[in-house]
Amino acid sequence: MNLPVTLRDIEAVVRGAGQIIARHYAAPPAATRKADGSPVTLADTETNGFLRRELGGLLPAAGWLSEESKDDLERLRRDWVWVVDPLDGTKEFVRRIPELAVSVGLVHQGQVVLGVVLNPITGEGASAMAGGGFHSWGLEARPSAPARALSEATACVSRTEVEDGSIRACLQVVKEARVVGSVAYKLLRVAVGLEDLTFSVQPKSEWDICGGVALLAGAGKTCRRFDGRVLSFNQRDIRIRCGAAAGPAELVNSLLAGLAAIEANPRSPEILLSHG
């Protein structure tokens, strides 16, 4: 596929967005609450405006879907759509926990074909495009070989889901779980290989994962919905309500098979280990 933009141009835009966030991070503005109760700050809205202007200039024909913009369903009529989270991890941003990210994905007819994710506080990031491989920067090299079984795997997971116990079954079958903030940042870390897996049972929106899914594909990894449906973007309903898992295909498939076994036999959570 001949893409209408270059990855270098998108990386430059995302780095510019990261500079806005980094400037605000030094003295984070007060957060207000959106209708759904989630926090939003001046950093979110200013970064969103910058991205919309710069990405729109690179590809004027593309539609727009962002956490910080009113959804315009005109995007459903477009072949190309930007799917953007200008600041994924606003809760961490407000608390000055450096586990956040700018996430940009470019979707063509439902499939993400390009993605850039950047943690502007740590300088960690990666980019990928269909047929163009995977490039990362600012991340430590993985100290050991990737896990070949769930019982050997490390996972990065949501603080909230650990505390409320909603991913207890998943946690029982991995070697180690590390709490990490932003969804996009977790996907970046898994794409690079700092952890083997990430999983969540909570609903996500397309902008949470779109850029990260592009990275996973570029790194030869996958993201699968728990309900088995094909992951597709620029949908009328942008919520992915069933949860998902991401990492090497063999580990993700083992995890999903094990969860299905638990659902069929809820008294035996250890059955997951037999799929690892």
Protein backbone atom coordinates (compact mmCIF):
# COMPACT_ATOMS: atom_id res chain seq x y z
CA MET A 1 0.00 0.00 0.00
CA ASN A 2 1.27 3.47 -0.89
CA LEU A 3 0.55 5.61 2.14
CA PRO A 4 -0.28 9.28 1.56
CA VAL A 5 1.99 10.44 4.42
CA THR A 6 5.47 9.55 5.64
CA LEU A 7 6.24 8.06 9.01
CA ARG A 8 8.94 10.68 9.54
CA ASP A 9 6.38 13.47 9.18
CA ILE A 10 4.03 11.83 11.71
CA GLU A 11 6.85 11.25 14.17
CA ALA A 12 7.75 14.96 13.95
CA VAL A 13 4.16 15.97 14.69
CA VAL A 14 3.92 13.60 17.66
CA ARG A 15 7.20 14.91 19.06
CA GLY A 16 5.80 18.43 18.79
CA ALA A 17 2.71 17.32 20.71
CA GLY A 18 4.97 15.75 23.30
CA GLN A 19 6.74 19.06 23.84
CA ILE A 20 3.40 20.68 24.75
CA ILE A 21 2.68 17.96 27.31
CA ALA A 22 6.19 18.09 28.76
CA ARG A 23 5.88 21.86 29.24
CA HIS A 24 2.62 21.46 31.17
CA TYR A 25 3.96 18.47 33.13
CA ALA A 26 6.44 20.71 34.90
CA ALA A 27 3.48 22.50 36.52
CA PRO A 28 0.35 20.52 35.64
CA PRO A 29 -2.82 22.60 35.31
CA ALA A 30 -5.87 21.77 37.39
CA ALA A 31 -8.09 19.05 35.98
CA THR A 32 -11.79 19.42 35.29
CA ARG A 33 -14.26 16.59 34.74
CA LYS A 34 -15.89 15.57 31.49
CA ALA A 35 -19.44 14.25 31.30
CA ASP A 36 -18.24 10.68 31.85
CA GLY A 37 -16.33 11.70 35.00
CA SER A 38 -12.85 11.35 33.48
CA PRO A 39 -10.34 14.18 34.01
CA VAL A 40 -9.26 16.66 31.34
CA THR A 41 -6.64 19.41 31.53
CA LEU A 42 -5.36 22.26 29.39
CA ALA A 43 -2.57 19.92 28.29
CA ASP A 44 -5.17 17.54 26.78
CA THR A 45 -7.02 20.24 24.86
CA GLU A 46 -3.97 22.18 23.71
CA THR A 47 -2.27 19.02 22.46
CA ASN A 48 -5.46 17.94 20.70
CA GLY A 49 -5.68 21.26 18.86
CA PHE A 50 -2.05 21.01 17.78
CA LEU A 51 -2.45 17.45 16.50
CA ARG A 52 -5.65 18.21 14.62
CA ARG A 53 -4.07 21.18 12.88
CA GLU A 54 -0.79 19.46 12.00
CA LEU A 55 -2.16 16.03 11.04
CA GLY A 56 -5.02 17.65 9.14
CA GLY A 57 -2.47 19.62 7.16
CA LEU A 58 -0.61 16.46 6.21
CA LEU A 59 -3.74 14.63 5.05
CA PRO A 60 -6.71 16.99 4.60
CA ALA A 61 -8.96 14.25 3.19
CA ALA A 62 -8.78 12.18 6.39
CA GLY A 63 -11.52 12.04 8.98
CA TRP A 64 -10.86 12.69 12.67
CA LEU A 65 -11.59 10.70 15.82
CA SER A 66 -10.08 11.93 19.09
CA GLU A 67 -10.86 11.63 22.77
CA GLU A 68 -10.84 15.42 23.09
CA SER A 69 -12.98 16.32 20.05
CA LYS A 70 -16.71 16.05 19.57
CA ASP A 71 -17.31 13.01 17.41
CA ASP A 72 -18.25 13.90 13.84
CA LEU A 73 -19.79 10.85 12.15
CA GLU A 74 -18.73 12.28 8.81
CA ARG A 75 -15.59 10.24 9.52
CA LEU A 76 -17.56 7.09 8.64
CA ARG A 77 -17.65 8.30 5.03
CA ARG A 78 -13.86 8.70 4.81
CA ASP A 79 -11.41 6.04 3.64
CA TRP A 80 -8.67 7.55 5.81
CA VAL A 81 -9.18 8.52 9.45
CA TRP A 82 -6.84 9.76 12.16
CA VAL A 83 -7.56 8.06 15.51
CA VAL A 84 -5.87 10.05 18.25
CA ASP A 85 -5.46 10.22 22.00
CA PRO A 86 -3.56 13.46 22.61
CA LEU A 87 -2.83 12.55 26.24
CA ASP A 88 -3.51 8.99 27.27
CA GLY A 89 -3.00 8.80 31.02
CA THR A 90 -4.42 12.11 32.21
CA LYS A 91 -4.82 10.67 35.73
CA GLU A 92 -1.09 9.90 35.78
CA PHE A 93 -0.29 13.31 34.30
CA VAL A 94 -2.17 15.10 37.09
CA ARG A 95 -0.43 12.98 39.72
CA ARG A 96 2.93 13.46 37.97
CA ILE A 97 3.44 9.75 37.37
CA PRO A 98 5.47 9.50 34.12
CA GLU A 99 3.36 6.71 32.60
CA LEU A 100 1.47 8.50 29.84
CA ALA A 101 1.56 8.81 26.07
CA VAL A 102 0.58 10.59 22.90
CA SER A 103 -1.02 8.02 20.59
CA VAL A 104 -1.69 8.51 16.87
CA GLY A 105 -3.02 5.92 14.46
CA LEU A 106 -3.93 6.29 10.79
CA VAL A 107 -6.78 4.02 9.71
CA HIS A 108 -7.63 2.98 6.16
CA GLN A 109 -11.01 1.35 5.60
CA GLY A 110 -11.15 0.03 9.15
CA GLN A 111 -7.55 -1.16 9.53
CA VAL A 112 -4.78 0.77 11.24
CA VAL A 113 -1.86 1.12 8.82
CA LEU A 114 0.40 3.51 10.71
CA GLY A 115 0.99 4.30 14.35
CA VAL A 116 3.21 6.43 16.57
CA VAL A 117 3.19 6.32 20.38
CA LEU A 118 5.41 8.58 22.49
CA ASN A 119 5.87 9.00 26.22
CA PRO A 120 6.93 12.66 26.24
CA ILE A 121 8.17 12.56 29.83
CA THR A 122 10.55 9.60 29.51
CA GLY A 123 11.36 10.09 25.82
CA GLU A 124 10.32 6.51 25.01
CA GLY A 125 8.52 5.94 21.74
CA ALA A 126 8.00 3.79 18.68
CA SER A 127 6.50 3.94 15.23
CA ALA A 128 5.35 1.42 12.65
CA MET A 129 3.61 1.35 9.29
CA ALA A 130 2.11 -1.37 7.15
CA GLY A 131 4.89 -3.10 5.25
CA GLY A 132 7.46 -0.73 6.73
CA GLY A 133 8.62 -2.45 9.89
CA PHE A 134 9.02 -1.17 13.42
CA HIS A 135 11.28 1.46 14.96
CA SER A 136 11.68 2.38 18.63
CA TRP A 137 13.76 4.84 20.60
CA GLY A 138 14.55 5.71 24.21
CA LEU A 139 13.66 2.26 25.60
CA GLU A 140 15.94 -0.15 27.39
CA ALA A 141 16.93 -3.30 25.54
CA ARG A 142 15.10 -6.37 26.76
CA PRO A 143 17.44 -8.21 29.19
CA SER A 144 16.24 -11.72 28.37
CA ALA A 145 14.50 -13.80 25.72
CA PRO A 146 10.71 -13.44 25.40
CA ALA A 147 8.57 -15.89 27.33
CA ARG A 148 7.38 -19.01 25.54
CA ALA A 149 4.67 -19.88 28.07
CA LEU A 150 2.23 -17.93 30.21
CA SER A 151 3.92 -19.19 33.37
CA GLU A 152 7.16 -17.50 32.21
CA ALA A 153 5.56 -14.24 31.06
CA THR A 154 5.64 -10.76 32.53
CA ALA A 155 2.64 -8.48 32.07
CA CYS A 156 1.98 -4.77 32.48
CA VAL A 157 -1.49 -4.15 33.84
CA SER A 158 -3.89 -1.51 35.10
CA ARG A 159 -3.59 -0.31 38.68
CA THR A 160 -7.37 -0.10 38.96
CA GLU A 161 -7.93 -3.64 37.68
CA VAL A 162 -5.37 -5.05 40.11
CA GLU A 163 -7.02 -3.26 43.01
CA ASP A 164 -10.59 -4.26 42.12
CA GLY A 165 -9.66 -7.88 41.37
CA SER A 166 -11.19 -7.92 37.90
CA ILE A 167 -8.09 -9.47 36.30
CA ARG A 168 -7.35 -11.91 39.11
CA ALA A 169 -7.64 -14.98 36.87
CA CYS A 170 -5.16 -13.53 34.37
CA LEU A 171 -2.71 -12.56 37.11
CA GLN A 172 -2.64 -16.11 38.47
CA VAL A 173 -0.95 -17.49 35.37
CA VAL A 174 1.82 -15.02 34.58
CA LYS A 175 5.19 -14.95 36.28
CA GLU A 176 5.07 -11.26 37.16
CA ALA A 177 2.66 -8.34 36.79
CA ARG A 178 3.81 -4.71 36.77
CA VAL A 179 1.38 -1.86 37.28
CA VAL A 180 1.67 0.73 34.48
CA GLY A 181 -0.55 3.73 33.76
CA SER A 182 -1.58 4.67 30.20
CA VAL A 183 -3.06 2.00 27.93
CA ALA A 184 -1.06 3.30 24.96
CA TYR A 185 2.13 3.27 27.04
CA LYS A 186 1.46 -0.35 28.03
CA LEU A 187 1.06 -1.30 24.36
CA LEU A 188 4.31 0.50 23.53
CA ARG A 189 6.14 -1.43 26.23
CA VAL A 190 4.74 -4.76 25.02
CA ALA A 191 5.53 -3.97 21.38
CA VAL A 192 9.15 -3.28 22.33
CA GLY A 193 9.30 -6.31 24.65
CA LEU A 194 9.80 -4.73 28.07
CA GLU A 195 6.87 -6.92 29.13
CA ASP A 196 5.48 -9.93 27.29
CA LEU A 197 1.78 -9.18 27.63
CA THR A 198 -0.85 -6.68 28.61
CA PHE A 199 -4.53 -7.41 29.19
CA SER A 200 -7.61 -5.59 30.40
CA VAL A 201 -11.22 -6.54 31.01
CA GLN A 202 -12.42 -2.93 31.16
CA PRO A 203 -13.99 -1.24 28.10
CA LYS A 204 -11.61 0.76 25.94
CA SER A 205 -12.15 3.33 23.21
CA GLU A 206 -10.55 3.12 19.78
CA TRP A 207 -8.22 6.03 20.54
CA ASP A 208 -6.81 4.18 23.57
CA ILE A 209 -5.36 1.37 21.47
CA CYS A 210 -5.22 2.34 17.79
CA GLY A 211 -1.64 3.64 17.66
CA GLY A 212 -0.44 0.82 19.90
CA VAL A 213 -2.08 -1.84 17.72
CA ALA A 214 -0.05 -0.53 14.77
CA LEU A 215 3.12 -0.91 16.84
CA LEU A 216 2.22 -4.46 17.82
CA ALA A 217 1.66 -5.41 14.18
CA GLY A 218 4.98 -3.85 13.19
CA ALA A 219 6.72 -5.83 15.92
CA GLY A 220 5.09 -9.10 14.82
CA LYS A 221 2.66 -9.20 17.75
CA THR A 222 -1.11 -9.01 18.07
CA CYS A 223 -4.06 -7.57 19.97
CA ARG A 224 -7.22 -9.67 20.33
CA ARG A 225 -10.64 -8.86 21.71
CA PHE A 226 -11.87 -11.22 24.43
CA ASP A 227 -15.09 -11.82 22.50
CA GLY A 228 -13.23 -13.15 19.46
CA ARG A 229 -14.48 -10.49 17.04
CA VAL A 230 -12.06 -8.98 14.53
CA LEU A 231 -10.58 -5.71 15.75
CA SER A 232 -11.65 -2.90 13.43
CA PHE A 233 -11.41 0.88 13.72
CA ASN A 234 -13.49 3.89 12.73
CA GLN A 235 -16.70 2.20 13.84
CA ARG A 236 -19.94 4.00 14.67
CA ASP A 237 -19.63 2.69 18.24
CA ILE A 238 -16.01 3.37 19.17
CA ARG A 239 -16.17 1.48 22.51
CA ILE A 240 -14.55 -1.96 22.77
CA ARG A 241 -16.55 -3.26 25.69
CA CYS A 242 -15.29 -6.83 26.03
CA GLY A 243 -11.65 -6.27 26.99
CA ALA A 244 -8.57 -7.37 25.08
CA ALA A 245 -5.09 -8.88 25.37
CA ALA A 246 -1.91 -7.96 23.50
CA GLY A 247 1.46 -9.60 22.98
CA PRO A 248 2.95 -12.48 20.96
CA ALA A 249 0.16 -14.43 19.27
CA GLU A 250 0.95 -17.72 21.03
CA LEU A 251 0.74 -16.15 24.49
CA VAL A 252 -2.40 -14.16 23.69
CA ASN A 253 -4.09 -17.25 22.24
CA SER A 254 -3.16 -19.28 25.32
CA LEU A 255 -4.55 -16.62 27.64
CA LEU A 256 -7.85 -16.37 25.76
CA ALA A 257 -8.20 -20.14 25.60
CA GLY A 258 -7.57 -20.36 29.32
CA LEU A 259 -10.14 -17.70 30.11
CA ALA A 260 -12.68 -19.56 28.00
CA ALA A 261 -11.89 -22.71 29.98
CA ILE A 262 -12.38 -20.86 33.27
CA GLU A 263 -15.73 -19.57 32.07
CA ALA A 264 -16.75 -23.14 31.29
CA ASN A 265 -15.37 -24.44 34.60
CA PRO A 266 -15.17 -21.48 37.04
CA ARG A 267 -14.10 -23.68 39.98
CA SER A 268 -10.78 -24.48 38.31
CA PRO A 269 -8.82 -21.30 37.51
CA GLU A 270 -5.62 -23.34 37.50
CA ILE A 271 -6.79 -24.77 34.18
CA LEU A 272 -5.17 -21.74 32.58
CA LEU A 273 -1.75 -23.20 33.30
CA SER A 274 -2.41 -26.18 31.06
CA HIS A 275 -2.64 -23.81 28.10
CA GLY A 276 0.69 -22.14 28.86
